[in-house]
PDB file of N, CA and C in Angstrom:
ATOM      1  N   ALA A   1     104.419 109.250  97.756  1.00  0.00           N
ATOM      2  CA  ALA A   1     105.466 108.878  96.819  1.00  0.00           C
ATOM      3  C   ALA A   1     105.557 107.356  96.801  1.00  0.00           C
ATOM      4  N   ILE A   2     105.845 106.802  95.630  1.00  0.00           N
ATOM      5  CA  ILE A   2     105.897 105.349  95.496  1.00  0.00           C
ATOM      6  C   ILE A   2     106.892 104.985  94.401  1.00  0.00           C
ATOM      7  N   THR A   3     107.625 103.913  94.615  1.00  0.00           N
ATOM      8  CA  THR A   3     108.533 103.414  93.588  1.00  0.00           C
ATOM      9  C   THR A   3     108.641 101.901  93.708  1.00  0.00           C
ATOM     10  N   ALA A   4     108.958 101.249  92.589  1.00  0.00           N
ATOM     11  CA  ALA A   4     109.048  99.786  92.542  1.00  0.00           C
ATOM     12  C   ALA A   4     110.499  99.336  92.530  1.00  0.00           C
ATOM     13  N   SER A   5     110.711  98.120  93.017  1.00  0.00           N
ATOM     14  CA  SER A   5     112.037  97.515  92.951  1.00  0.00           C
ATOM     15  C   SER A   5     112.367  97.174  91.505  1.00  0.00           C
ATOM     16  N   SER A   6     113.627  96.826  91.258  1.00  0.00           N
ATOM     17  CA  SER A   6     114.037  96.508  89.889  1.00  0.00           C
ATOM     18  C   SER A   6     113.324  95.280  89.335  1.00  0.00           C
ATOM     19  N   ASN A   7     112.855  94.379  90.200  1.00  0.00           N
ATOM     20  CA  ASN A   7     112.126  93.200  89.710  1.00  0.00           C
ATOM     21  C   ASN A   7     110.612  93.397  89.733  1.00  0.00           C
ATOM     22  N   ASN A   8     110.155  94.608  90.117  1.00  0.00           N
ATOM     23  CA  ASN A   8     108.733  94.972  90.156  1.00  0.00           C
ATOM     24  C   ASN A   8     107.889  94.096  91.079  1.00  0.00           C
ATOM     25  N   LYS A   9     108.506  93.463  92.066  1.00  0.00           N
ATOM     26  CA  LYS A   9     107.753  92.636  93.001  1.00  0.00           C
ATOM     27  C   LYS A   9     107.537  93.324  94.341  1.00  0.00           C
ATOM     28  N   GLU A  10     108.281  94.387  94.598  1.00  0.00           N
ATOM     29  CA  GLU A  10     108.149  95.104  95.852  1.00  0.00           C
ATOM     30  C   GLU A  10     108.040  96.595  95.583  1.00  0.00           C
ATOM     31  N   LEU A  11     107.405  97.292  96.520  1.00  0.00           N
ATOM     32  CA  LEU A  11     107.273  98.741  96.436  1.00  0.00           C
ATOM     33  C   LEU A  11     107.781  99.355  97.728  1.00  0.00           C
ATOM     34  N   ILE A  12     108.303 100.563  97.628  1.00  0.00           N
ATOM     35  CA  ILE A  12     108.550 101.387  98.801  1.00  0.00           C
ATOM     36  C   ILE A  12     107.588 102.562  98.664  1.00  0.00           C
ATOM     37  N   VAL A  13     106.815 102.813  99.719  1.00  0.00           N
ATOM     38  CA  VAL A  13     105.789 103.846  99.696  1.00  0.00           C
ATOM     39  C   VAL A  13     106.072 104.844 100.819  1.00  0.00           C
ATOM     40  N   GLY A  14     106.107 106.127 100.467  1.00  0.00           N
ATOM     41  CA  GLY A  14     106.244 107.192 101.448  1.00  0.00           C
ATOM     42  C   GLY A  14     104.925 107.936 101.551  1.00  0.00           C
ATOM     43  N   THR A  15     104.483 108.237 102.763  1.00  0.00           N
ATOM     44  CA  THR A  15     103.166 108.835 102.961  1.00  0.00           C
ATOM     45  C   THR A  15     103.256 110.315 103.320  1.00  0.00           C
ATOM     46  N   GLY A  16     102.106 110.965 103.278  1.00  0.00           N
ATOM     47  CA  GLY A  16     101.999 112.360 103.683  1.00  0.00           C
ATOM     48  C   GLY A  16     102.252 112.553 105.168  1.00  0.00           C
ATOM     49  N   ALA A  17     102.155 111.480 105.942  1.00  0.00           N
ATOM     50  CA  ALA A  17     102.403 111.540 107.384  1.00  0.00           C
ATOM     51  C   ALA A  17     103.850 111.191 107.734  1.00  0.00           C
ATOM     52  N   GLY A  18     104.707 111.031 106.722  1.00  0.00           N
ATOM     53  CA  GLY A  18     106.118 110.762 106.973  1.00  0.00           C
ATOM     54  C   GLY A  18     106.472 109.319 107.243  1.00  0.00           C
ATOM     55  N   LYS A  19     105.572 108.390 106.967  1.00  0.00           N
ATOM     56  CA  LYS A  19     105.847 106.975 107.184  1.00  0.00           C
ATOM     57  C   LYS A  19     106.349 106.333 105.900  1.00  0.00           C
ATOM     58  N   ILE A  20     107.176 105.294 106.058  1.00  0.00           N
ATOM     59  CA  ILE A  20     107.716 104.560 104.920  1.00  0.00           C
ATOM     60  C   ILE A  20     107.293 103.100 105.062  1.00  0.00           C
ATOM     61  N   TYR A  21     106.675 102.568 104.005  1.00  0.00           N
ATOM     62  CA  TYR A  21     106.217 101.183 104.002  1.00  0.00           C
ATOM     63  C   TYR A  21     106.906 100.403 102.895  1.00  0.00           C
ATOM     64  N   ARG A  22     107.121  99.141 103.164  1.00  0.00           N
ATOM     65  CA  ARG A  22     107.566  98.188 102.148  1.00  0.00           C
ATOM     66  C   ARG A  22     106.356  97.336 101.816  1.00  0.00           C
ATOM     67  N   VAL A  23     106.026  97.221 100.541  1.00  0.00           N
ATOM     68  CA  VAL A  23     104.824  96.500 100.114  1.00  0.00           C
ATOM     69  C   VAL A  23     105.232  95.378  99.166  1.00  0.00           C
ATOM     70  N   LEU A  24     104.757  94.195  99.438  1.00  0.00           N
ATOM     71  CA  LEU A  24     105.028  93.031  98.604  1.00  0.00           C
ATOM     72  C   LEU A  24     103.724  92.573  97.970  1.00  0.00           C
ATOM     73  N   ALA A  25     103.730  92.450  96.653  1.00  0.00           N
ATOM     74  CA  ALA A  25     102.544  91.979  95.927  1.00  0.00           C
ATOM     75  C   ALA A  25     102.686  90.482  95.677  1.00  0.00           C
ATOM     76  N   THR A  26     101.666  89.741  96.032  1.00  0.00           N
ATOM     77  CA  THR A  26     101.636  88.307  95.803  1.00  0.00           C
ATOM     78  C   THR A  26     100.471  88.008  94.861  1.00  0.00           C
ATOM     79  N   TYR A  27     100.795  87.398  93.725  1.00  0.00           N
ATOM     80  CA  TYR A  27      99.764  87.080  92.735  1.00  0.00           C
ATOM     81  C   TYR A  27      99.423  85.599  92.815  1.00  0.00           C
ATOM     82  N   PHE A  28      98.146  85.281  92.631  1.00  0.00           N
ATOM     83  CA  PHE A  28      97.723  83.891  92.648  1.00  0.00           C
ATOM     84  C   PHE A  28      96.466  83.725  91.793  1.00  0.00           C
ATOM     85  N   LEU A  29      96.171  82.493  91.451  1.00  0.00           N
ATOM     86  CA  LEU A  29      94.993  82.162  90.656  1.00  0.00           C
ATOM     87  C   LEU A  29      93.911  81.638  91.590  1.00  0.00           C
ATOM     88  N   LEU A  30      92.751  82.264  91.557  1.00  0.00           N
ATOM     89  CA  LEU A  30      91.639  81.878  92.418  1.00  0.00           C
ATOM     90  C   LEU A  30      90.412  81.699  91.540  1.00  0.00           C
ATOM     91  N   ASN A  31      89.917  80.454  91.448  1.00  0.00           N
ATOM     92  CA  ASN A  31      88.739  80.155  90.618  1.00  0.00           C
ATOM     93  C   ASN A  31      88.880  80.719  89.205  1.00  0.00           C
ATOM     94  N   LYS A  32      90.014  80.474  88.584  1.00  0.00           N
ATOM     95  CA  LYS A  32      90.320  80.878  87.211  1.00  0.00           C
ATOM     96  C   LYS A  32      90.428  82.397  87.028  1.00  0.00           C
ATOM     97  N   LEU A  33      90.491  83.139  88.125  1.00  0.00           N
ATOM     98  CA  LEU A  33      90.669  84.586  88.049  1.00  0.00           C
ATOM     99  C   LEU A  33      91.999  84.949  88.677  1.00  0.00           C
ATOM    100  N   ASN A  34      92.726  85.852  88.022  1.00  0.00           N
ATOM    101  CA  ASN A  34      93.957  86.339  88.619  1.00  0.00           C
ATOM    102  C   ASN A  34      93.610  87.245  89.788  1.00  0.00           C
ATOM    103  N   SER A  35      94.321  87.098  90.850  1.00  0.00           N
ATOM    104  CA  SER A  35      94.078  87.906  92.026  1.00  0.00           C
ATOM    105  C   SER A  35      95.414  88.284  92.641  1.00  0.00           C
ATOM    106  N   ALA A  36      95.386  89.249  93.537  1.00  0.00           N
ATOM    107  CA  ALA A  36      96.626  89.673  94.184  1.00  0.00           C
ATOM    108  C   ALA A  36      96.338  90.111  95.609  1.00  0.00           C
ATOM    109  N   THR A  37      97.326  89.936  96.440  1.00  0.00           N
ATOM    110  CA  THR A  37      97.259  90.481  97.789  1.00  0.00           C
ATOM    111  C   THR A  37      98.464  91.390  97.986  1.00  0.00           C
ATOM    112  N   LEU A  38      98.317  92.353  98.836  1.00  0.00           N
ATOM    113  CA  LEU A  38      99.406  93.262  99.159  1.00  0.00           C
ATOM    114  C   LEU A  38      99.719  93.128 100.640  1.00  0.00           C
ATOM    115  N   GLU A  39     100.947  92.751 100.930  1.00  0.00           N
ATOM    116  CA  GLU A  39     101.404  92.685 102.304  1.00  0.00           C
ATOM    117  C   GLU A  39     102.297  93.892 102.539  1.00  0.00           C
ATOM    118  N   ASN A  40     102.110  94.578 103.678  1.00  0.00           N
ATOM    119  CA  ASN A  40     102.957  95.739 103.930  1.00  0.00           C
ATOM    120  C   ASN A  40     103.593  95.661 105.298  1.00  0.00           C
ATOM    121  N   MET A  41     104.738  96.326 105.396  1.00  0.00           N
ATOM    122  CA  MET A  41     105.473  96.393 106.643  1.00  0.00           C
ATOM    123  C   MET A  41     105.947  97.824 106.830  1.00  0.00           C
ATOM    124  N   LEU A  42     105.675  98.385 107.986  1.00  0.00           N
ATOM    125  CA  LEU A  42     106.144  99.725 108.301  1.00  0.00           C
ATOM    126  C   LEU A  42     107.651  99.671 108.519  1.00  0.00           C
ATOM    127  N   LEU A  43     108.401 100.436 107.710  1.00  0.00           N
ATOM    128  CA  LEU A  43     109.851 100.471 107.846  1.00  0.00           C
ATOM    129  C   LEU A  43     110.313 101.583 108.768  1.00  0.00           C
ATOM    130  N   SER A  44     109.645 102.733 108.684  1.00  0.00           N
ATOM    131  CA  SER A  44     110.139 103.877 109.438  1.00  0.00           C
ATOM    132  C   SER A  44     109.059 104.932 109.608  1.00  0.00           C
ATOM    133  N   GLU A  45     109.198 105.680 110.676  1.00  0.00           N
ATOM    134  CA  GLU A  45     108.394 106.876 110.907  1.00  0.00           C
ATOM    135  C   GLU A  45     109.333 108.049 111.175  1.00  0.00           C
ATOM    136  N   SER A  46     110.500 108.038 110.537  1.00  0.00           N
ATOM    137  CA  SER A  46     111.545 109.005 110.849  1.00  0.00           C
ATOM    138  C   SER A  46     111.303 110.392 110.264  1.00  0.00           C
ATOM    139  N   HIS A  47     110.540 110.497 109.200  1.00  0.00           N
ATOM    140  CA  HIS A  47     110.250 111.821 108.634  1.00  0.00           C
ATOM    141  C   HIS A  47     109.160 112.505 109.454  1.00  0.00           C
ATOM    142  N   THR A  48     109.267 113.821 109.587  1.00  0.00           N
ATOM    143  CA  THR A  48     108.232 114.576 110.293  1.00  0.00           C
ATOM    144  C   THR A  48     107.376 115.392 109.333  1.00  0.00           C
ATOM    145  N   ALA A  49     107.688 115.323 108.055  1.00  0.00           N
ATOM    146  CA  ALA A  49     106.928 116.042 107.028  1.00  0.00           C
ATOM    147  C   ALA A  49     106.560 115.063 105.913  1.00  0.00           C
ATOM    148  N   GLU A  50     105.754 115.526 104.986  1.00  0.00           N
ATOM    149  CA  GLU A  50     105.312 114.704 103.856  1.00  0.00           C
ATOM    150  C   GLU A  50     106.501 114.247 103.022  1.00  0.00           C
ATOM    151  N   ILE A  51     106.535 112.951 102.728  1.00  0.00           N
ATOM    152  CA  ILE A  51     107.573 112.405 101.867  1.00  0.00           C
ATOM    153  C   ILE A  51     107.218 112.735 100.427  1.00  0.00           C
ATOM    154  N   LYS A  52     108.135 113.391  99.735  1.00  0.00           N
ATOM    155  CA  LYS A  52     107.885 113.856  98.379  1.00  0.00           C
ATOM    156  C   LYS A  52     108.361 112.880  97.314  1.00  0.00           C
ATOM    157  N   ASP A  53     109.403 112.085  97.611  1.00  0.00           N
ATOM    158  CA  ASP A  53     109.901 111.150  96.607  1.00  0.00           C
ATOM    159  C   ASP A  53     110.606 109.988  97.289  1.00  0.00           C
ATOM    160  N   VAL A  54     110.612 108.865  96.575  1.00  0.00           N
ATOM    161  CA  VAL A  54     111.268 107.646  97.025  1.00  0.00           C
ATOM    162  C   VAL A  54     112.084 107.110  95.867  1.00  0.00           C
ATOM    163  N   ALA A  55     113.303 106.660  96.135  1.00  0.00           N
ATOM    164  CA  ALA A  55     114.145 106.042  95.106  1.00  0.00           C
ATOM    165  C   ALA A  55     114.680 104.730  95.668  1.00  0.00           C
ATOM    166  N   VAL A  56     114.873 103.744  94.805  1.00  0.00           N
ATOM    167  CA  VAL A  56     115.457 102.474  95.235  1.00  0.00           C
ATOM    168  C   VAL A  56     116.647 102.141  94.360  1.00  0.00           C
ATOM    169  N   ARG A  57     117.554 101.383  94.944  1.00  0.00           N
ATOM    170  CA  ARG A  57     118.679 100.843  94.172  1.00  0.00           C
ATOM    171  C   ARG A  57     118.611  99.335  94.306  1.00  0.00           C
ATOM    172  N   GLY A  58     118.533  98.657  93.190  1.00  0.00           N
ATOM    173  CA  GLY A  58     118.439  97.202  93.216  1.00  0.00           C
ATOM    174  C   GLY A  58     117.040  96.755  93.585  1.00  0.00           C
ATOM    175  N   GLN A  59     116.987  95.680  94.325  1.00  0.00           N
ATOM    176  CA  GLN A  59     115.705  95.095  94.716  1.00  0.00           C
ATOM    177  C   GLN A  59     115.360  95.496  96.143  1.00  0.00           C
ATOM    178  N   ILE A  60     115.274  96.790  96.400  1.00  0.00           N
ATOM    179  CA  ILE A  60     114.902  97.374  97.688  1.00  0.00           C
ATOM    180  C   ILE A  60     115.992  97.177  98.738  1.00  0.00           C
ATOM    181  N   ASP A  61     117.194  96.814  98.346  1.00  0.00           N
ATOM    182  CA  ASP A  61     118.272  96.676  99.323  1.00  0.00           C
ATOM    183  C   ASP A  61     118.626  98.030  99.925  1.00  0.00           C
ATOM    184  N   ILE A  62     118.644  99.049  99.101  1.00  0.00           N
ATOM    185  CA  ILE A  62     118.925 100.410  99.563  1.00  0.00           C
ATOM    186  C   ILE A  62     117.857 101.317  98.972  1.00  0.00           C
ATOM    187  N   PHE A  63     117.274 102.163  99.808  1.00  0.00           N
ATOM    188  CA  PHE A  63     116.296 103.111  99.308  1.00  0.00           C
ATOM    189  C   PHE A  63     116.543 104.473  99.930  1.00  0.00           C
ATOM    190  N   ALA A  64     116.039 105.497  99.281  1.00  0.00           N
ATOM    191  CA  ALA A  64     116.196 106.869  99.767  1.00  0.00           C
ATOM    192  C   ALA A  64     114.844 107.559  99.730  1.00  0.00           C
ATOM    193  N   THR A  65     114.658 108.484 100.661  1.00  0.00           N
ATOM    194  CA  THR A  65     113.449 109.300 100.688  1.00  0.00           C
ATOM    195  C   THR A  65     113.841 110.744 100.935  1.00  0.00           C
ATOM    196  N   ILE A  66     113.029 111.658 100.404  1.00  0.00           N
ATOM    197  CA  ILE A  66     113.222 113.077 100.676  1.00  0.00           C
ATOM    198  C   ILE A  66     111.868 113.655 101.055  1.00  0.00           C
ATOM    199  N   ASP A  67     111.857 114.513 102.079  1.00  0.00           N
ATOM    200  CA  ASP A  67     110.586 115.100 102.491  1.00  0.00           C
ATOM    201  C   ASP A  67     110.558 116.591 102.177  1.00  0.00           C
ATOM    202  N   GLU A  68     109.401 117.207 102.368  1.00  0.00           N
ATOM    203  CA  GLU A  68     109.254 118.616 101.991  1.00  0.00           C
ATOM    204  C   GLU A  68     110.068 119.555 102.876  1.00  0.00           C
ATOM    205  N   ASP A  69     110.564 119.060 104.008  1.00  0.00           N
ATOM    206  CA  ASP A  69     111.464 119.856 104.843  1.00  0.00           C
ATOM    207  C   ASP A  69     112.923 119.670 104.440  1.00  0.00           C
ATOM    208  N   SER A  70     113.170 119.008 103.319  1.00  0.00           N
ATOM    209  CA  SER A  70     114.492 118.788 102.726  1.00  0.00           C
ATOM    210  C   SER A  70     115.323 117.723 103.419  1.00  0.00           C
ATOM    211  N   TYR A  71     114.744 116.930 104.307  1.00  0.00           N
ATOM    212  CA  TYR A  71     115.507 115.844 104.902  1.00  0.00           C
ATOM    213  C   TYR A  71     115.633 114.716 103.884  1.00  0.00           C
ATOM    214  N   LEU A  72     116.852 114.290 103.659  1.00  0.00           N
ATOM    215  CA  LEU A  72     117.157 113.219 102.722  1.00  0.00           C
ATOM    216  C   LEU A  72     117.647 112.039 103.541  1.00  0.00           C
ATOM    217  N   ASN A  73     116.871 110.964 103.567  1.00  0.00           N
ATOM    218  CA  ASN A  73     117.213 109.771 104.349  1.00  0.00           C
ATOM    219  C   ASN A  73     117.554 108.617 103.429  1.00  0.00           C
ATOM    220  N   VAL A  74     118.470 107.781 103.876  1.00  0.00           N
ATOM    221  CA  VAL A  74     118.807 106.561 103.161  1.00  0.00           C
ATOM    222  C   VAL A  74     118.527 105.401 104.087  1.00  0.00           C
ATOM    223  N   GLY A  75     117.860 104.380 103.569  1.00  0.00           N
ATOM    224  CA  GLY A  75     117.562 103.186 104.348  1.00  0.00           C
ATOM    225  C   GLY A  75     118.198 101.977 103.713  1.00  0.00           C
ATOM    226  N   VAL A  76     118.685 101.083 104.543  1.00  0.00           N
ATOM    227  CA  VAL A  76     119.272  99.831 104.077  1.00  0.00           C
ATOM    228  C   VAL A  76     118.427  98.714 104.671  1.00  0.00           C
ATOM    229  N   THR A  77     117.956  97.835 103.827  1.00  0.00           N
ATOM    230  CA  THR A  77     117.133  96.734 104.297  1.00  0.00           C
ATOM    231  C   THR A  77     117.552  95.464 103.575  1.00  0.00           C
ATOM    232  N   SER A  78     117.410  94.363 104.246  1.00  0.00           N
ATOM    233  CA  SER A  78     117.668  93.072 103.613  1.00  0.00           C
ATOM    234  C   SER A  78     116.347  92.328 103.552  1.00  0.00           C
ATOM    235  N   HIS A  79     116.354  91.223 102.896  1.00  0.00           N
ATOM    236  CA  HIS A  79     115.115  90.449 102.819  1.00  0.00           C
ATOM    237  C   HIS A  79     114.790  89.785 104.155  1.00  0.00           C
ATOM    238  N   ALA A  80     115.711  89.895 105.115  1.00  0.00           N
ATOM    239  CA  ALA A  80     115.423  89.411 106.465  1.00  0.00           C
ATOM    240  C   ALA A  80     114.728  90.498 107.279  1.00  0.00           C
ATOM    241  N   ASP A  81     114.394  91.613 106.619  1.00  0.00           N
ATOM    242  CA  ASP A  81     113.659  92.718 107.220  1.00  0.00           C
ATOM    243  C   ASP A  81     114.439  93.451 108.310  1.00  0.00           C
ATOM    244  N   HIS A  82     115.747  93.422 108.214  1.00  0.00           N
ATOM    245  CA  HIS A  82     116.574  94.242 109.110  1.00  0.00           C
ATOM    246  C   HIS A  82     116.693  95.621 108.470  1.00  0.00           C
ATOM    247  N   ILE A  83     116.381  96.659 109.215  1.00  0.00           N
ATOM    248  CA  ILE A  83     116.310  98.000 108.646  1.00  0.00           C
ATOM    249  C   ILE A  83     117.222  98.953 109.391  1.00  0.00           C
ATOM    250  N   GLU A  84     117.985  99.715 108.640  1.00  0.00           N
ATOM    251  CA  GLU A  84     118.755 100.820 109.203  1.00  0.00           C
ATOM    252  C   GLU A  84     118.357 102.055 108.415  1.00  0.00           C
ATOM    253  N   ILE A  85     117.883 103.088 109.106  1.00  0.00           N
ATOM    254  CA  ILE A  85     117.394 104.299 108.459  1.00  0.00           C
ATOM    255  C   ILE A  85     118.221 105.490 108.921  1.00  0.00           C
ATOM    256  N   GLY A  86     118.368 106.444 108.038  1.00  0.00           N
ATOM    257  CA  GLY A  86     118.899 107.737 108.447  1.00  0.00           C
ATOM    258  C   GLY A  86     120.387 107.904 108.350  1.00  0.00           C
ATOM    259  N   ALA A  87     121.047 107.143 107.502  1.00  0.00           N
ATOM    260  CA  ALA A  87     122.487 107.267 107.379  1.00  0.00           C
ATOM    261  C   ALA A  87     122.916 108.688 107.021  1.00  0.00           C
ATOM    262  N   LEU A  88     122.131 109.391 106.230  1.00  0.00           N
ATOM    263  CA  LEU A  88     122.486 110.744 105.828  1.00  0.00           C
ATOM    264  C   LEU A  88     121.856 111.821 106.696  1.00  0.00           C
ATOM    265  N   ARG A  89     120.794 111.507 107.375  1.00  0.00           N
ATOM    266  CA  ARG A  89     120.022 112.546 108.048  1.00  0.00           C
ATOM    267  C   ARG A  89     120.856 113.361 109.040  1.00  0.00           C
ATOM    268  N   THR A  90     121.573 112.716 109.921  1.00  0.00           N
ATOM    269  CA  THR A  90     122.358 113.432 110.922  1.00  0.00           C
ATOM    270  C   THR A  90     123.467 114.240 110.263  1.00  0.00           C
ATOM    271  N   GLU A  91     124.150 113.660 109.319  1.00  0.00           N
ATOM    272  CA  GLU A  91     125.277 114.318 108.664  1.00  0.00           C
ATOM    273  C   GLU A  91     124.846 115.540 107.864  1.00  0.00           C
ATOM    274  N   LEU A  92     123.679 115.500 107.219  1.00  0.00           N
ATOM    275  CA  LEU A  92     123.266 116.563 106.309  1.00  0.00           C
ATOM    276  C   LEU A  92     122.255 117.526 106.892  1.00  0.00           C
ATOM    277  N   GLU A  93     121.761 117.247 108.079  1.00  0.00           N
ATOM    278  CA  GLU A  93     120.654 118.019 108.623  1.00  0.00           C
ATOM    279  C   GLU A  93     120.933 119.524 108.603  1.00  0.00           C
ATOM    280  N   ASN A  94     122.047 119.963 109.118  1.00  0.00           N
ATOM    281  CA  ASN A  94     122.327 121.395 109.174  1.00  0.00           C
ATOM    282  C   ASN A  94     122.518 121.998 107.790  1.00  0.00           C
ATOM    283  N   GLU A  95     123.250 121.318 106.934  1.00  0.00           N
ATOM    284  CA  GLU A  95     123.523 121.845 105.599  1.00  0.00           C
ATOM    285  C   GLU A  95     122.237 122.012 104.787  1.00  0.00           C
ATOM    286  N   VAL A  96     121.393 121.009 104.803  1.00  0.00           N
ATOM    287  CA  VAL A  96     120.178 121.044 103.987  1.00  0.00           C
ATOM    288  C   VAL A  96     119.156 122.010 104.568  1.00  0.00           C
ATOM    289  N   ARG A  97     119.005 122.043 105.868  1.00  0.00           N
ATOM    290  CA  ARG A  97     117.974 122.873 106.498  1.00  0.00           C
ATOM    291  C   ARG A  97     118.289 124.369 106.441  1.00  0.00           C
ATOM    292  N   LEU A  98     119.543 124.760 106.352  1.00  0.00           N
ATOM    293  CA  LEU A  98     119.888 126.179 106.338  1.00  0.00           C
ATOM    294  C   LEU A  98     119.253 126.922 105.173  1.00  0.00           C
ATOM    295  N   ASP A  99     119.151 126.282 104.036  1.00  0.00           N
ATOM    296  CA  ASP A  99     118.630 126.934 102.841  1.00  0.00           C
ATOM    297  C   ASP A  99     117.119 127.129 102.879  1.00  0.00           C
ATOM    298  N   ASN A 100     116.438 126.384 103.706  1.00  0.00           N
ATOM    299  CA  ASN A 100     114.985 126.464 103.851  1.00  0.00           C
ATOM    300  C   ASN A 100     114.237 126.258 102.531  1.00  0.00           C
ATOM    301  N   HIS A 101     114.751 125.378 101.692  1.00  0.00           N
ATOM    302  CA  HIS A 101     114.065 125.015 100.452  1.00  0.00           C
ATOM    303  C   HIS A 101     113.389 123.668 100.656  1.00  0.00           C
ATOM    304  N   ARG A 102     112.381 123.410  99.883  1.00  0.00           N
ATOM    305  CA  ARG A 102     111.630 122.162  99.989  1.00  0.00           C
ATOM    306  C   ARG A 102     112.277 121.070  99.150  1.00  0.00           C
ATOM    307  N   GLY A 103     112.326 119.864  99.717  1.00  0.00           N
ATOM    308  CA  GLY A 103     112.775 118.714  98.950  1.00  0.00           C
ATOM    309  C   GLY A 103     111.708 118.345  97.938  1.00  0.00           C
ATOM    310  N   VAL A 104     112.131 117.986  96.738  1.00  0.00           N
ATOM    311  CA  VAL A 104     111.195 117.662  95.668  1.00  0.00           C
ATOM    312  C   VAL A 104     111.395 116.240  95.154  1.00  0.00           C
ATOM    313  N   CYS A 105     112.648 115.841  94.930  1.00  0.00           N
ATOM    314  CA  CYS A 105     112.903 114.537  94.343  1.00  0.00           C
ATOM    315  C   CYS A 105     114.270 114.020  94.780  1.00  0.00           C
ATOM    316  N   CYS A 106     114.475 112.712  94.591  1.00  0.00           N
ATOM    317  CA  CYS A 106     115.772 112.112  94.889  1.00  0.00           C
ATOM    318  C   CYS A 106     115.979 110.915  93.970  1.00  0.00           C
ATOM    319  N   CYS A 107     117.259 110.597  93.738  1.00  0.00           N
ATOM    320  CA  CYS A 107     117.597 109.425  92.942  1.00  0.00           C
ATOM    321  C   CYS A 107     119.030 109.010  93.269  1.00  0.00           C
ATOM    322  N   PHE A 108     119.354 107.789  92.939  1.00  0.00           N
ATOM    323  CA  PHE A 108     120.717 107.309  93.079  1.00  0.00           C
ATOM    324  C   PHE A 108     121.468 107.613  91.793  1.00  0.00           C
ATOM    325  N   SER A 109     122.727 107.981  91.910  1.00  0.00           N
ATOM    326  CA  SER A 109     123.543 108.209  90.723  1.00  0.00           C
ATOM    327  C   SER A 109     124.103 106.872  90.251  1.00  0.00           C
ATOM    328  N   ASP A 110     124.835 106.895  89.149  1.00  0.00           N
ATOM    329  CA  ASP A 110     125.473 105.672  88.664  1.00  0.00           C
ATOM    330  C   ASP A 110     126.559 105.197  89.620  1.00  0.00           C
ATOM    331  N   ASP A 111     127.134 106.129  90.367  1.00  0.00           N
ATOM    332  CA  ASP A 111     128.115 105.780  91.395  1.00  0.00           C
ATOM    333  C   ASP A 111     127.353 105.213  92.589  1.00  0.00           C
ATOM    334  N   PRO A 112     127.615 103.991  93.017  1.00  0.00           N
ATOM    335  CA  PRO A 112     126.837 103.383  94.099  1.00  0.00           C
ATOM    336  C   PRO A 112     126.983 104.081  95.449  1.00  0.00           C
ATOM    337  N   ASN A 113     127.898 105.021  95.552  1.00  0.00           N
ATOM    338  CA  ASN A 113     128.116 105.718  96.821  1.00  0.00           C
ATOM    339  C   ASN A 113     127.581 107.142  96.815  1.00  0.00           C
ATOM    340  N   GLU A 114     126.738 107.482  95.848  1.00  0.00           N
ATOM    341  CA  GLU A 114     126.210 108.842  95.751  1.00  0.00           C
ATOM    342  C   GLU A 114     124.694 108.839  95.601  1.00  0.00           C
ATOM    343  N   ILE A 115     124.084 109.875  96.168  1.00  0.00           N
ATOM    344  CA  ILE A 115     122.653 110.094  96.002  1.00  0.00           C
ATOM    345  C   ILE A 115     122.445 111.554  95.635  1.00  0.00           C
ATOM    346  N   VAL A 116     121.419 111.816  94.836  1.00  0.00           N
ATOM    347  CA  VAL A 116     121.137 113.165  94.355  1.00  0.00           C
ATOM    348  C   VAL A 116     119.773 113.599  94.883  1.00  0.00           C
ATOM    349  N   GLY A 117     119.700 114.834  95.386  1.00  0.00           N
ATOM    350  CA  GLY A 117     118.449 115.416  95.843  1.00  0.00           C
ATOM    351  C   GLY A 117     118.106 116.626  95.004  1.00  0.00           C
ATOM    352  N   GLY A 118     116.833 116.811  94.689  1.00  0.00           N
ATOM    353  CA  GLY A 118     116.350 117.979  93.950  1.00  0.00           C
ATOM    354  C   GLY A 118     115.505 118.839  94.875  1.00  0.00           C
ATOM    355  N   TYR A 119     115.625 120.168  94.737  1.00  0.00           N
ATOM    356  CA  TYR A 119     114.990 121.092  95.677  1.00  0.00           C
ATOM    357  C   TYR A 119     114.160 122.145  94.947  1.00  0.00           C
ATOM    358  N   SER A 120     113.228 122.744  95.676  1.00  0.00           N
ATOM    359  CA  SER A 120     112.251 123.668  95.093  1.00  0.00           C
ATOM    360  C   SER A 120     112.874 124.929  94.502  1.00  0.00           C
ATOM    361  N   ASP A 121     114.099 125.263  94.860  1.00  0.00           N
ATOM    362  CA  ASP A 121     114.760 126.431  94.275  1.00  0.00           C
ATOM    363  C   ASP A 121     115.407 126.108  92.935  1.00  0.00           C
ATOM    364  N   GLY A 122     115.234 124.876  92.456  1.00  0.00           N
ATOM    365  CA  GLY A 122     115.802 124.467  91.175  1.00  0.00           C
ATOM    366  C   GLY A 122     117.190 123.859  91.303  1.00  0.00           C
ATOM    367  N   SER A 123     117.728 123.797  92.507  1.00  0.00           N
ATOM    368  CA  SER A 123     119.071 123.245  92.688  1.00  0.00           C
ATOM    369  C   SER A 123     119.016 121.730  92.845  1.00  0.00           C
ATOM    370  N   ILE A 124     120.138 121.096  92.523  1.00  0.00           N
ATOM    371  CA  ILE A 124     120.325 119.683  92.803  1.00  0.00           C
ATOM    372  C   ILE A 124     121.609 119.573  93.620  1.00  0.00           C
ATOM    373  N   ARG A 125     121.640 118.612  94.499  1.00  0.00           N
ATOM    374  CA  ARG A 125     122.817 118.385  95.334  1.00  0.00           C
ATOM    375  C   ARG A 125     123.137 116.904  95.316  1.00  0.00           C
ATOM    376  N   CYS A 126     124.410 116.605  95.210  1.00  0.00           N
ATOM    377  CA  CYS A 126     124.868 115.230  95.195  1.00  0.00           C
ATOM    378  C   CYS A 126     125.626 114.972  96.501  1.00  0.00           C
ATOM    379  N   PHE A 127     125.312 113.864  97.179  1.00  0.00           N
ATOM    380  CA  PHE A 127     125.916 113.539  98.471  1.00  0.00           C
ATOM    381  C   PHE A 127     126.535 112.157  98.434  1.00  0.00           C
ATOM    382  N   ASP A 128     127.628 112.013  99.132  1.00  0.00           N
ATOM    383  CA  ASP A 128     128.233 110.699  99.345  1.00  0.00           C
ATOM    384  C   ASP A 128     127.442 109.966 100.422  1.00  0.00           C
ATOM    385  N   ILE A 129     127.240 108.665 100.229  1.00  0.00           N
ATOM    386  CA  ILE A 129     126.562 107.883 101.261  1.00  0.00           C
ATOM    387  C   ILE A 129     127.504 106.837 101.813  1.00  0.00           C
TER     388      ILE A 129
END
């Protein structure tokens, strides 16, 4: 899963191994050719299953991930690379896992304190963060 920040300069990438990376693209001119480098930083290894979707709010200040085991995590990061992960995981673990449905997608609602998760049974759930 991959998503871009609102300014399209950074990416949050979730892997099949449950890792979350922050990727910064740097563009430069080299011998009259446009070129780019990608710098990445491992943010978290908190998921134990494949990450199915990633959502960001703003310029990567807050991001969310959902994995196929239905764990919905929220991460807060600043440009100083301070990371806090899992604000929702502990609170929602029992509620989400009881249904035994797979996480499919996630997004932030217009309300800055809510996140929405989509599940394989066709349901959507909205949570306060």
